PDB file of N, CA and C in Angstrom:
ATOM      1  N   MET A   1     170.320  53.885 352.635  1.00  0.00           N
ATOM      2  CA  MET A   1     169.236  53.747 353.579  1.00  0.00           C
ATOM      3  C   MET A   1     169.773  53.079 354.847  1.00  0.00           C
ATOM      4  N   ALA A   2     169.475  53.688 355.969  1.00  0.00           N
ATOM      5  CA  ALA A   2     169.938  53.150 357.252  1.00  0.00           C
ATOM      6  C   ALA A   2     169.105  51.954 357.682  1.00  0.00           C
ATOM      7  N   ASP A   3     167.772  52.088 357.625  1.00  0.00           N
ATOM      8  CA  ASP A   3     166.906  51.020 358.093  1.00  0.00           C
ATOM      9  C   ASP A   3     165.452  51.403 357.848  1.00  0.00           C
ATOM     10  N   ILE A   4     164.565  50.462 358.095  1.00  0.00           N
ATOM     11  CA  ILE A   4     163.131  50.727 358.129  1.00  0.00           C
ATOM     12  C   ILE A   4     162.719  50.608 359.585  1.00  0.00           C
ATOM     13  N   TYR A   5     162.096  51.661 360.085  1.00  0.00           N
ATOM     14  CA  TYR A   5     161.706  51.716 361.491  1.00  0.00           C
ATOM     15  C   TYR A   5     160.177  51.679 361.552  1.00  0.00           C
ATOM     16  N   ALA A   6     159.617  50.519 361.770  1.00  0.00           N
ATOM     17  CA  ALA A   6     158.161  50.365 361.777  1.00  0.00           C
ATOM     18  C   ALA A   6     157.727  49.706 363.080  1.00  0.00           C
ATOM     19  N   ASP A   7     156.800  50.358 363.749  1.00  0.00           N
ATOM     20  CA  ASP A   7     156.206  49.803 364.963  1.00  0.00           C
ATOM     21  C   ASP A   7     154.836  49.262 364.589  1.00  0.00           C
ATOM     22  N   GLU A   8     154.780  48.001 364.212  1.00  0.00           N
ATOM     23  CA  GLU A   8     153.531  47.376 363.777  1.00  0.00           C
ATOM     24  C   GLU A   8     152.550  47.240 364.936  1.00  0.00           C
ATOM     25  N   GLY A   9     151.321  47.717 364.708  1.00  0.00           N
ATOM     26  CA  GLY A   9     150.263  47.538 365.685  1.00  0.00           C
ATOM     27  C   GLY A   9     150.393  48.374 366.946  1.00  0.00           C
ATOM     28  N   ILE A  10     151.296  49.359 366.916  1.00  0.00           N
ATOM     29  CA  ILE A  10     151.490  50.226 368.087  1.00  0.00           C
ATOM     30  C   ILE A  10     150.891  51.587 367.754  1.00  0.00           C
ATOM     31  N   THR A  11     150.117  52.139 368.667  1.00  0.00           N
ATOM     32  CA  THR A  11     149.500  53.433 368.439  1.00  0.00           C
ATOM     33  C   THR A  11     150.548  54.540 368.375  1.00  0.00           C
ATOM     34  N   GLY A  12     150.271  55.527 367.532  1.00  0.00           N
ATOM     35  CA  GLY A  12     151.173  56.666 367.406  1.00  0.00           C
ATOM     36  C   GLY A  12     150.869  57.784 368.376  1.00  0.00           C
ATOM     37  N   THR A  13     149.927  57.549 369.290  1.00  0.00           N
ATOM     38  CA  THR A  13     149.568  58.615 370.225  1.00  0.00           C
ATOM     39  C   THR A  13     150.594  58.802 371.327  1.00  0.00           C
ATOM     40  N   ASN A  14     151.455  57.810 371.520  1.00  0.00           N
ATOM     41  CA  ASN A  14     152.472  57.904 372.559  1.00  0.00           C
ATOM     42  C   ASN A  14     153.762  57.270 372.036  1.00  0.00           C
ATOM     43  N   THR A  15     154.846  58.017 372.032  1.00  0.00           N
ATOM     44  CA  THR A  15     156.112  57.504 371.507  1.00  0.00           C
ATOM     45  C   THR A  15     156.876  56.668 372.526  1.00  0.00           C
ATOM     46  N   LYS A  16     156.461  56.692 373.758  1.00  0.00           N
ATOM     47  CA  LYS A  16     157.190  56.012 374.831  1.00  0.00           C
ATOM     48  C   LYS A  16     157.374  54.518 374.572  1.00  0.00           C
ATOM     49  N   ASN A  17     156.328  53.840 374.119  1.00  0.00           N
ATOM     50  CA  ASN A  17     156.376  52.390 373.938  1.00  0.00           C
ATOM     51  C   ASN A  17     156.647  51.956 372.500  1.00  0.00           C
ATOM     52  N   ARG A  18     157.114  52.877 371.676  1.00  0.00           N
ATOM     53  CA  ARG A  18     157.390  52.558 370.275  1.00  0.00           C
ATOM     54  C   ARG A  18     158.892  52.300 370.115  1.00  0.00           C
ATOM     55  N   ALA A  19     159.283  51.041 370.261  1.00  0.00           N
ATOM     56  CA  ALA A  19     160.699  50.661 370.271  1.00  0.00           C
ATOM     57  C   ALA A  19     161.428  51.087 369.004  1.00  0.00           C
ATOM     58  N   ASN A  20     160.842  50.854 367.847  1.00  0.00           N
ATOM     59  CA  ASN A  20     161.527  51.199 366.603  1.00  0.00           C
ATOM     60  C   ASN A  20     161.580  52.706 366.369  1.00  0.00           C
ATOM     61  N   PHE A  21     160.551  53.417 366.790  1.00  0.00           N
ATOM     62  CA  PHE A  21     160.586  54.879 366.709  1.00  0.00           C
ATOM     63  C   PHE A  21     161.740  55.408 367.555  1.00  0.00           C
ATOM     64  N   ASN A  22     161.845  54.914 368.772  1.00  0.00           N
ATOM     65  CA  ASN A  22     162.911  55.368 369.672  1.00  0.00           C
ATOM     66  C   ASN A  22     164.294  54.961 369.166  1.00  0.00           C
ATOM     67  N   ARG A  23     164.378  53.806 368.524  1.00  0.00           N
ATOM     68  CA  ARG A  23     165.646  53.382 367.919  1.00  0.00           C
ATOM     69  C   ARG A  23     166.029  54.320 366.768  1.00  0.00           C
ATOM     70  N   MET A  24     165.022  54.746 365.993  1.00  0.00           N
ATOM     71  CA  MET A  24     165.262  55.689 364.900  1.00  0.00           C
ATOM     72  C   MET A  24     165.788  57.023 365.442  1.00  0.00           C
ATOM     73  N   ILE A  25     165.166  57.512 366.492  1.00  0.00           N
ATOM     74  CA  ILE A  25     165.612  58.778 367.092  1.00  0.00           C
ATOM     75  C   ILE A  25     167.045  58.630 367.601  1.00  0.00           C
ATOM     76  N   GLN A  26     167.344  57.520 368.241  1.00  0.00           N
ATOM     77  CA  GLN A  26     168.705  57.290 368.745  1.00  0.00           C
ATOM     78  C   GLN A  26     169.710  57.213 367.593  1.00  0.00           C
ATOM     79  N   ASP A  27     169.342  56.543 366.505  1.00  0.00           N
ATOM     80  CA  ASP A  27     170.221  56.479 365.332  1.00  0.00           C
ATOM     81  C   ASP A  27     170.466  57.873 364.765  1.00  0.00           C
ATOM     82  N   ALA A  28     169.452  58.712 364.779  1.00  0.00           N
ATOM     83  CA  ALA A  28     169.624  60.093 364.320  1.00  0.00           C
ATOM     84  C   ALA A  28     170.578  60.844 365.251  1.00  0.00           C
ATOM     85  N   ARG A  29     170.429  60.653 366.526  1.00  0.00           N
ATOM     86  CA  ARG A  29     171.325  61.285 367.503  1.00  0.00           C
ATOM     87  C   ARG A  29     172.768  60.822 367.308  1.00  0.00           C
ATOM     88  N   ASN A  30     172.930  59.578 366.880  1.00  0.00           N
ATOM     89  CA  ASN A  30     174.265  59.009 366.661  1.00  0.00           C
ATOM     90  C   ASN A  30     174.826  59.324 365.276  1.00  0.00           C
ATOM     91  N   GLY A  31     174.106  60.127 364.499  1.00  0.00           N
ATOM     92  CA  GLY A  31     174.597  60.548 363.197  1.00  0.00           C
ATOM     93  C   GLY A  31     174.441  59.524 362.085  1.00  0.00           C
ATOM     94  N   LYS A  32     173.632  58.503 362.288  1.00  0.00           N
ATOM     95  CA  LYS A  32     173.440  57.462 361.280  1.00  0.00           C
ATOM     96  C   LYS A  32     172.389  57.832 360.233  1.00  0.00           C
ATOM     97  N   ILE A  33     171.610  58.875 360.503  1.00  0.00           N
ATOM     98  CA  ILE A  33     170.498  59.274 359.639  1.00  0.00           C
ATOM     99  C   ILE A  33     170.600  60.769 359.345  1.00  0.00           C
ATOM    100  N   ASP A  34     170.320  61.152 358.088  1.00  0.00           N
ATOM    101  CA  ASP A  34     170.239  62.575 357.771  1.00  0.00           C
ATOM    102  C   ASP A  34     168.884  62.949 357.167  1.00  0.00           C
ATOM    103  N   LEU A  35     168.075  61.934 356.854  1.00  0.00           N
ATOM    104  CA  LEU A  35     166.737  62.158 356.310  1.00  0.00           C
ATOM    105  C   LEU A  35     165.821  61.032 356.766  1.00  0.00           C
ATOM    106  N   ILE A  36     164.639  61.408 357.231  1.00  0.00           N
ATOM    107  CA  ILE A  36     163.619  60.433 357.604  1.00  0.00           C
ATOM    108  C   ILE A  36     162.435  60.660 356.683  1.00  0.00           C
ATOM    109  N   LEU A  37     162.059  59.630 355.951  1.00  0.00           N
ATOM    110  CA  LEU A  37     160.927  59.686 355.039  1.00  0.00           C
ATOM    111  C   LEU A  37     159.745  58.987 355.698  1.00  0.00           C
ATOM    112  N   VAL A  38     158.641  59.732 355.837  1.00  0.00           N
ATOM    113  CA  VAL A  38     157.458  59.215 356.527  1.00  0.00           C
ATOM    114  C   VAL A  38     156.260  59.346 355.597  1.00  0.00           C
ATOM    115  N   LYS A  39     155.398  58.334 355.601  1.00  0.00           N
ATOM    116  CA  LYS A  39     154.215  58.343 354.739  1.00  0.00           C
ATOM    117  C   LYS A  39     153.326  59.549 355.042  1.00  0.00           C
ATOM    118  N   SER A  40     153.048  59.789 356.326  1.00  0.00           N
ATOM    119  CA  SER A  40     152.198  60.924 356.702  1.00  0.00           C
ATOM    120  C   SER A  40     152.481  61.319 358.151  1.00  0.00           C
ATOM    121  N   ILE A  41     152.004  62.480 358.511  1.00  0.00           N
ATOM    122  CA  ILE A  41     152.204  62.992 359.869  1.00  0.00           C
ATOM    123  C   ILE A  41     151.681  61.999 360.904  1.00  0.00           C
ATOM    124  N   SER A  42     150.518  61.422 360.641  1.00  0.00           N
ATOM    125  CA  SER A  42     149.912  60.516 361.619  1.00  0.00           C
ATOM    126  C   SER A  42     150.721  59.235 361.809  1.00  0.00           C
ATOM    127  N   ARG A  43     151.586  58.885 360.869  1.00  0.00           N
ATOM    128  CA  ARG A  43     152.444  57.712 361.006  1.00  0.00           C
ATOM    129  C   ARG A  43     153.656  58.025 361.879  1.00  0.00           C
ATOM    130  N   PHE A  44     154.037  59.290 361.969  1.00  0.00           N
ATOM    131  CA  PHE A  44     155.175  59.703 362.788  1.00  0.00           C
ATOM    132  C   PHE A  44     154.745  59.852 364.244  1.00  0.00           C
ATOM    133  N   ALA A  45     153.701  60.630 364.470  1.00  0.00           N
ATOM    134  CA  ALA A  45     153.160  60.829 365.824  1.00  0.00           C
ATOM    135  C   ALA A  45     151.777  61.450 365.715  1.00  0.00           C
ATOM    136  N   ARG A  46     150.882  61.036 366.592  1.00  0.00           N
ATOM    137  CA  ARG A  46     149.540  61.616 366.613  1.00  0.00           C
ATOM    138  C   ARG A  46     149.362  62.542 367.809  1.00  0.00           C
ATOM    139  N   ASN A  47     150.428  62.804 368.477  1.00  0.00           N
ATOM    140  CA  ASN A  47     150.423  63.717 369.609  1.00  0.00           C
ATOM    141  C   ASN A  47     151.241  64.933 369.180  1.00  0.00           C
ATOM    142  N   THR A  48     150.597  66.094 369.147  1.00  0.00           N
ATOM    143  CA  THR A  48     151.238  67.308 368.640  1.00  0.00           C
ATOM    144  C   THR A  48     152.518  67.636 369.401  1.00  0.00           C
ATOM    145  N   LEU A  49     152.484  67.522 370.714  1.00  0.00           N
ATOM    146  CA  LEU A  49     153.667  67.864 371.505  1.00  0.00           C
ATOM    147  C   LEU A  49     154.841  66.929 371.202  1.00  0.00           C
ATOM    148  N   ASP A  50     154.561  65.625 371.096  1.00  0.00           N
ATOM    149  CA  ASP A  50     155.623  64.669 370.739  1.00  0.00           C
ATOM    150  C   ASP A  50     156.175  64.969 369.353  1.00  0.00           C
ATOM    151  N   LEU A  51     155.276  65.196 368.415  1.00  0.00           N
ATOM    152  CA  LEU A  51     155.709  65.459 367.047  1.00  0.00           C
ATOM    153  C   LEU A  51     156.651  66.656 366.998  1.00  0.00           C
ATOM    154  N   LEU A  52     156.223  67.767 367.593  1.00  0.00           N
ATOM    155  CA  LEU A  52     157.046  68.984 367.551  1.00  0.00           C
ATOM    156  C   LEU A  52     158.352  68.806 368.315  1.00  0.00           C
ATOM    157  N   LYS A  53     158.297  68.110 369.434  1.00  0.00           N
ATOM    158  CA  LYS A  53     159.505  67.866 370.227  1.00  0.00           C
ATOM    159  C   LYS A  53     160.555  67.139 369.391  1.00  0.00           C
ATOM    160  N   TYR A  54     160.145  66.046 368.742  1.00  0.00           N
ATOM    161  CA  TYR A  54     161.105  65.246 367.974  1.00  0.00           C
ATOM    162  C   TYR A  54     161.520  65.933 366.678  1.00  0.00           C
ATOM    163  N   VAL A  55     160.597  66.600 366.023  1.00  0.00           N
ATOM    164  CA  VAL A  55     160.954  67.313 364.798  1.00  0.00           C
ATOM    165  C   VAL A  55     161.971  68.413 365.103  1.00  0.00           C
ATOM    166  N   ARG A  56     161.766  69.134 366.187  1.00  0.00           N
ATOM    167  CA  ARG A  56     162.710  70.191 366.570  1.00  0.00           C
ATOM    168  C   ARG A  56     164.075  69.615 366.933  1.00  0.00           C
ATOM    169  N   GLU A  57     164.068  68.505 367.668  1.00  0.00           N
ATOM    170  CA  GLU A  57     165.339  67.873 368.018  1.00  0.00           C
ATOM    171  C   GLU A  57     166.066  67.406 366.763  1.00  0.00           C
ATOM    172  N   LEU A  58     165.336  66.732 365.874  1.00  0.00           N
ATOM    173  CA  LEU A  58     165.949  66.241 364.637  1.00  0.00           C
ATOM    174  C   LEU A  58     166.475  67.391 363.788  1.00  0.00           C
ATOM    175  N   LYS A  59     165.709  68.468 363.731  1.00  0.00           N
ATOM    176  CA  LYS A  59     166.143  69.650 362.972  1.00  0.00           C
ATOM    177  C   LYS A  59     167.446  70.204 363.547  1.00  0.00           C
ATOM    178  N   SER A  60     167.543  70.232 364.873  1.00  0.00           N
ATOM    179  CA  SER A  60     168.769  70.746 365.504  1.00  0.00           C
ATOM    180  C   SER A  60     169.969  69.842 365.215  1.00  0.00           C
ATOM    181  N   LEU A  61     169.684  68.566 364.910  1.00  0.00           N
ATOM    182  CA  LEU A  61     170.748  67.623 364.550  1.00  0.00           C
ATOM    183  C   LEU A  61     171.049  67.642 363.054  1.00  0.00           C
ATOM    184  N   GLY A  62     170.300  68.465 362.312  1.00  0.00           N
ATOM    185  CA  GLY A  62     170.473  68.524 360.862  1.00  0.00           C
ATOM    186  C   GLY A  62     169.773  67.402 360.127  1.00  0.00           C
ATOM    187  N   VAL A  63     168.814  66.758 360.793  1.00  0.00           N
ATOM    188  CA  VAL A  63     168.070  65.647 360.194  1.00  0.00           C
ATOM    189  C   VAL A  63     166.715  66.168 359.720  1.00  0.00           C
ATOM    190  N   ALA A  64     166.467  66.018 358.429  1.00  0.00           N
ATOM    191  CA  ALA A  64     165.183  66.420 357.856  1.00  0.00           C
ATOM    192  C   ALA A  64     164.183  65.294 358.003  1.00  0.00           C
ATOM    193  N   VAL A  65     162.925  65.668 358.230  1.00  0.00           N
ATOM    194  CA  VAL A  65     161.830  64.712 358.187  1.00  0.00           C
ATOM    195  C   VAL A  65     160.950  65.145 357.023  1.00  0.00           C
ATOM    196  N   LEU A  66     160.759  64.248 356.072  1.00  0.00           N
ATOM    197  CA  LEU A  66     159.936  64.538 354.905  1.00  0.00           C
ATOM    198  C   LEU A  66     158.644  63.741 355.022  1.00  0.00           C
ATOM    199  N   PHE A  67     157.536  64.458 355.137  1.00  0.00           N
ATOM    200  CA  PHE A  67     156.222  63.831 355.222  1.00  0.00           C
ATOM    201  C   PHE A  67     155.656  63.774 353.809  1.00  0.00           C
ATOM    202  N   GLU A  68     155.608  62.561 353.265  1.00  0.00           N
ATOM    203  CA  GLU A  68     155.272  62.360 351.861  1.00  0.00           C
ATOM    204  C   GLU A  68     153.878  62.860 351.495  1.00  0.00           C
ATOM    205  N   ARG A  69     152.856  62.426 352.217  1.00  0.00           N
ATOM    206  CA  ARG A  69     151.478  62.784 351.871  1.00  0.00           C
ATOM    207  C   ARG A  69     151.251  64.293 351.911  1.00  0.00           C
ATOM    208  N   GLU A  70     151.794  64.949 352.943  1.00  0.00           N
ATOM    209  CA  GLU A  70     151.567  66.385 353.121  1.00  0.00           C
ATOM    210  C   GLU A  70     152.599  67.238 352.389  1.00  0.00           C
ATOM    211  N   ASN A  71     153.619  66.586 351.834  1.00  0.00           N
ATOM    212  CA  ASN A  71     154.696  67.268 351.122  1.00  0.00           C
ATOM    213  C   ASN A  71     155.345  68.351 351.996  1.00  0.00           C
ATOM    214  N   ILE A  72     155.719  67.954 353.209  1.00  0.00           N
ATOM    215  CA  ILE A  72     156.358  68.875 354.153  1.00  0.00           C
ATOM    216  C   ILE A  72     157.764  68.374 354.446  1.00  0.00           C
ATOM    217  N   ASN A  73     158.718  69.278 354.311  1.00  0.00           N
ATOM    218  CA  ASN A  73     160.098  69.017 354.697  1.00  0.00           C
ATOM    219  C   ASN A  73     160.377  69.894 355.913  1.00  0.00           C
ATOM    220  N   THR A  74     160.759  69.271 357.019  1.00  0.00           N
ATOM    221  CA  THR A  74     160.917  70.016 358.266  1.00  0.00           C
ATOM    222  C   THR A  74     162.081  71.008 358.245  1.00  0.00           C
ATOM    223  N   LEU A  75     162.966  70.888 357.262  1.00  0.00           N
ATOM    224  CA  LEU A  75     164.051  71.862 357.164  1.00  0.00           C
ATOM    225  C   LEU A  75     163.638  73.101 356.384  1.00  0.00           C
ATOM    226  N   ASP A  76     162.451  73.075 355.759  1.00  0.00           N
ATOM    227  CA  ASP A  76     161.909  74.265 355.106  1.00  0.00           C
ATOM    228  C   ASP A  76     161.383  75.231 356.155  1.00  0.00           C
ATOM    229  N   THR A  77     161.354  76.500 355.839  1.00  0.00           N
ATOM    230  CA  THR A  77     160.927  77.508 356.814  1.00  0.00           C
ATOM    231  C   THR A  77     159.454  77.398 357.193  1.00  0.00           C
ATOM    232  N   THR A  78     158.601  76.947 356.293  1.00  0.00           N
ATOM    233  CA  THR A  78     157.172  76.847 356.607  1.00  0.00           C
ATOM    234  C   THR A  78     156.800  75.492 357.202  1.00  0.00           C
ATOM    235  N   GLY A  79     157.737  74.581 357.272  1.00  0.00           N
ATOM    236  CA  GLY A  79     157.457  73.226 357.729  1.00  0.00           C
ATOM    237  C   GLY A  79     156.826  73.142 359.096  1.00  0.00           C
ATOM    238  N   GLU A  80     157.376  73.852 360.080  1.00  0.00           N
ATOM    239  CA  GLU A  80     156.877  73.713 361.453  1.00  0.00           C
ATOM    240  C   GLU A  80     155.476  74.286 361.620  1.00  0.00           C
ATOM    241  N   VAL A  81     155.174  75.383 360.941  1.00  0.00           N
ATOM    242  CA  VAL A  81     153.826  75.960 361.036  1.00  0.00           C
ATOM    243  C   VAL A  81     152.795  74.974 360.495  1.00  0.00           C
ATOM    244  N   LEU A  82     153.070  74.420 359.315  1.00  0.00           N
ATOM    245  CA  LEU A  82     152.160  73.439 358.735  1.00  0.00           C
ATOM    246  C   LEU A  82     152.042  72.195 359.611  1.00  0.00           C
ATOM    247  N   LEU A  83     153.158  71.757 360.158  1.00  0.00           N
ATOM    248  CA  LEU A  83     153.143  70.580 361.030  1.00  0.00           C
ATOM    249  C   LEU A  83     152.269  70.799 362.256  1.00  0.00           C
ATOM    250  N   THR A  84     152.363  71.955 362.854  1.00  0.00           N
ATOM    251  CA  THR A  84     151.578  72.257 364.049  1.00  0.00           C
ATOM    252  C   THR A  84     150.088  72.144 363.746  1.00  0.00           C
ATOM    253  N   ILE A  85     149.673  72.725 362.638  1.00  0.00           N
ATOM    254  CA  ILE A  85     148.254  72.693 362.260  1.00  0.00           C
ATOM    255  C   ILE A  85     147.819  71.273 361.926  1.00  0.00           C
ATOM    256  N   LEU A  86     148.564  70.612 361.062  1.00  0.00           N
ATOM    257  CA  LEU A  86     148.167  69.285 360.600  1.00  0.00           C
ATOM    258  C   LEU A  86     148.290  68.221 361.690  1.00  0.00           C
ATOM    259  N   SER A  87     149.279  68.346 362.560  1.00  0.00           N
ATOM    260  CA  SER A  87     149.399  67.358 363.633  1.00  0.00           C
ATOM    261  C   SER A  87     148.283  67.535 364.662  1.00  0.00           C
ATOM    262  N   SER A  88     147.829  68.757 364.851  1.00  0.00           N
ATOM    263  CA  SER A  88     146.681  68.980 365.740  1.00  0.00           C
ATOM    264  C   SER A  88     145.448  68.288 365.184  1.00  0.00           C
ATOM    265  N   LEU A  89     145.277  68.343 363.871  1.00  0.00           N
ATOM    266  CA  LEU A  89     144.151  67.654 363.233  1.00  0.00           C
ATOM    267  C   LEU A  89     144.281  66.139 363.386  1.00  0.00           C
ATOM    268  N   ALA A  90     145.498  65.620 363.206  1.00  0.00           N
ATOM    269  CA  ALA A  90     145.726  64.177 363.347  1.00  0.00           C
ATOM    270  C   ALA A  90     145.463  63.731 364.786  1.00  0.00           C
ATOM    271  N   GLN A  91     145.884  64.546 365.746  1.00  0.00           N
ATOM    272  CA  GLN A  91     145.660  64.220 367.152  1.00  0.00           C
ATOM    273  C   GLN A  91     144.165  64.201 367.455  1.00  0.00           C
ATOM    274  N   ASP A  92     143.433  65.178 366.925  1.00  0.00           N
ATOM    275  CA  ASP A  92     141.995  65.249 367.151  1.00  0.00           C
ATOM    276  C   ASP A  92     141.285  64.064 366.501  1.00  0.00           C
ATOM    277  N   GLU A  93     141.728  63.688 365.305  1.00  0.00           N
ATOM    278  CA  GLU A  93     141.151  62.532 364.614  1.00  0.00           C
ATOM    279  C   GLU A  93     141.370  61.259 365.430  1.00  0.00           C
ATOM    280  N   SER A  94     142.566  61.095 365.960  1.00  0.00           N
ATOM    281  CA  SER A  94     142.880  59.924 366.772  1.00  0.00           C
ATOM    282  C   SER A  94     141.996  59.881 368.017  1.00  0.00           C
ATOM    283  N   ARG A  95     141.813  61.022 368.647  1.00  0.00           N
ATOM    284  CA  ARG A  95     140.969  61.100 369.845  1.00  0.00           C
ATOM    285  C   ARG A  95     139.525  60.753 369.495  1.00  0.00           C
ATOM    286  N   ASN A  96     139.035  61.271 368.356  1.00  0.00           N
ATOM    287  CA  ASN A  96     137.662  60.972 367.935  1.00  0.00           C
ATOM    288  C   ASN A  96     137.466  59.487 367.658  1.00  0.00           C
ATOM    289  N   ILE A  97     138.439  58.869 367.002  1.00  0.00           N
ATOM    290  CA  ILE A  97     138.359  57.434 366.719  1.00  0.00           C
ATOM    291  C   ILE A  97     138.309  56.649 368.025  1.00  0.00           C
ATOM    292  N   SER A  98     139.151  57.034 368.962  1.00  0.00           N
ATOM    293  CA  SER A  98     139.183  56.353 370.259  1.00  0.00           C
ATOM    294  C   SER A  98     137.863  56.506 370.995  1.00  0.00           C
ATOM    295  N   GLU A  99     137.331  57.722 371.007  1.00  0.00           N
ATOM    296  CA  GLU A  99     136.062  57.969 371.694  1.00  0.00           C
ATOM    297  C   GLU A  99     134.924  57.221 371.022  1.00  0.00           C
ATOM    298  N   ASN A 100     134.908  57.212 369.701  1.00  0.00           N
ATOM    299  CA  ASN A 100     133.849  56.511 368.973  1.00  0.00           C
ATOM    300  C   ASN A 100     133.938  55.011 369.201  1.00  0.00           C
ATOM    301  N   SER A 101     135.148  54.482 369.217  1.00  0.00           N
ATOM    302  CA  SER A 101     135.325  53.043 369.434  1.00  0.00           C
ATOM    303  C   SER A 101     134.856  52.638 370.820  1.00  0.00           C
ATOM    304  N   SER A 102     135.224  53.412 371.839  1.00  0.00           N
ATOM    305  CA  SER A 102     134.814  53.059 373.199  1.00  0.00           C
ATOM    306  C   SER A 102     133.313  53.278 373.367  1.00  0.00           C
ATOM    307  N   GLY A 103     132.756  54.252 372.668  1.00  0.00           N
ATOM    308  CA  GLY A 103     131.310  54.486 372.718  1.00  0.00           C
ATOM    309  C   GLY A 103     130.545  53.353 372.076  1.00  0.00           C
ATOM    310  N   GLU A 104     131.056  52.848 370.955  1.00  0.00           N
ATOM    311  CA  GLU A 104     130.418  51.720 370.278  1.00  0.00           C
ATOM    312  C   GLU A 104     130.449  50.485 371.168  1.00  0.00           C
ATOM    313  N   TYR A 105     131.573  50.280 371.861  1.00  0.00           N
ATOM    314  CA  TYR A 105     131.695  49.134 372.765  1.00  0.00           C
ATOM    315  C   TYR A 105     130.647  49.220 373.870  1.00  0.00           C
ATOM    316  N   CYS A 106     130.495  50.420 374.431  1.00  0.00           N
ATOM    317  CA  CYS A 106     129.517  50.606 375.503  1.00  0.00           C
ATOM    318  C   CYS A 106     128.103  50.372 374.976  1.00  0.00           C
ATOM    319  N   GLU A 107     127.803  50.894 373.781  1.00  0.00           N
ATOM    320  CA  GLU A 107     126.482  50.698 373.202  1.00  0.00           C
ATOM    321  C   GLU A 107     126.226  49.233 372.915  1.00  0.00           C
ATOM    322  N   ASP A 108     127.246  48.516 372.390  1.00  0.00           N
ATOM    323  CA  ASP A 108     127.108  47.086 372.128  1.00  0.00           C
ATOM    324  C   ASP A 108     126.844  46.333 373.435  1.00  0.00           C
ATOM    325  N   SER A 109     127.530  46.708 374.491  1.00  0.00           N
ATOM    326  CA  SER A 109     127.348  46.051 375.779  1.00  0.00           C
ATOM    327  C   SER A 109     125.932  46.273 376.301  1.00  0.00           C
ATOM    328  N   LYS A 110     125.419  47.497 376.125  1.00  0.00           N
ATOM    329  CA  LYS A 110     124.061  47.800 376.594  1.00  0.00           C
ATOM    330  C   LYS A 110     123.042  46.980 375.800  1.00  0.00           C
ATOM    331  N   ARG A 111     123.241  46.896 374.477  1.00  0.00           N
ATOM    332  CA  ARG A 111     122.313  46.128 373.636  1.00  0.00           C
ATOM    333  C   ARG A 111     122.336  44.646 374.012  1.00  0.00           C
ATOM    334  N   GLN A 112     123.502  44.128 374.274  1.00  0.00           N
ATOM    335  CA  GLN A 112     123.622  42.713 374.598  1.00  0.00           C
ATOM    336  C   GLN A 112     122.983  42.407 375.942  1.00  0.00           C
ATOM    337  N   SER A 113     123.094  43.312 376.875  1.00  0.00           N
ATOM    338  CA  SER A 113     122.520  43.047 378.201  1.00  0.00           C
ATOM    339  C   SER A 113     120.997  43.132 378.160  1.00  0.00           C
ATOM    340  N   ILE A 114     120.450  43.877 377.197  1.00  0.00           N
ATOM    341  CA  ILE A 114     119.003  43.995 377.062  1.00  0.00           C
ATOM    342  C   ILE A 114     118.431  42.725 376.458  1.00  0.00           C
ATOM    343  N   LEU A 115     119.153  42.131 375.514  1.00  0.00           N
ATOM    344  CA  LEU A 115     118.664  40.920 374.843  1.00  0.00           C
ATOM    345  C   LEU A 115     118.609  39.834 375.834  1.00  0.00           C
TER     346      LEU A 115
END
């Protein structure tokens, strides 16, 4: 095992500010990793374009990404098709959570100002 790359408390919607994610990608580029084990697609990235970009790059480097919950190995032929569908769902779920959270905040603010 090379390392554990965990970005605690950082959203998966954008990989730009995820220091450990970016360190993992760099380690893969440097040949230190040949397999990345991830709990689920949403833990890797919640943005479909980012997910596919990095999965394709890792695949070109010979690095497999195994998504445990979905049982997807990116080096399998059906991996990318399934990833595209499931990551789109994860991205939509993340967007819905964000919209609902900001909507609840606005509703709470309106209720408080009425009291």
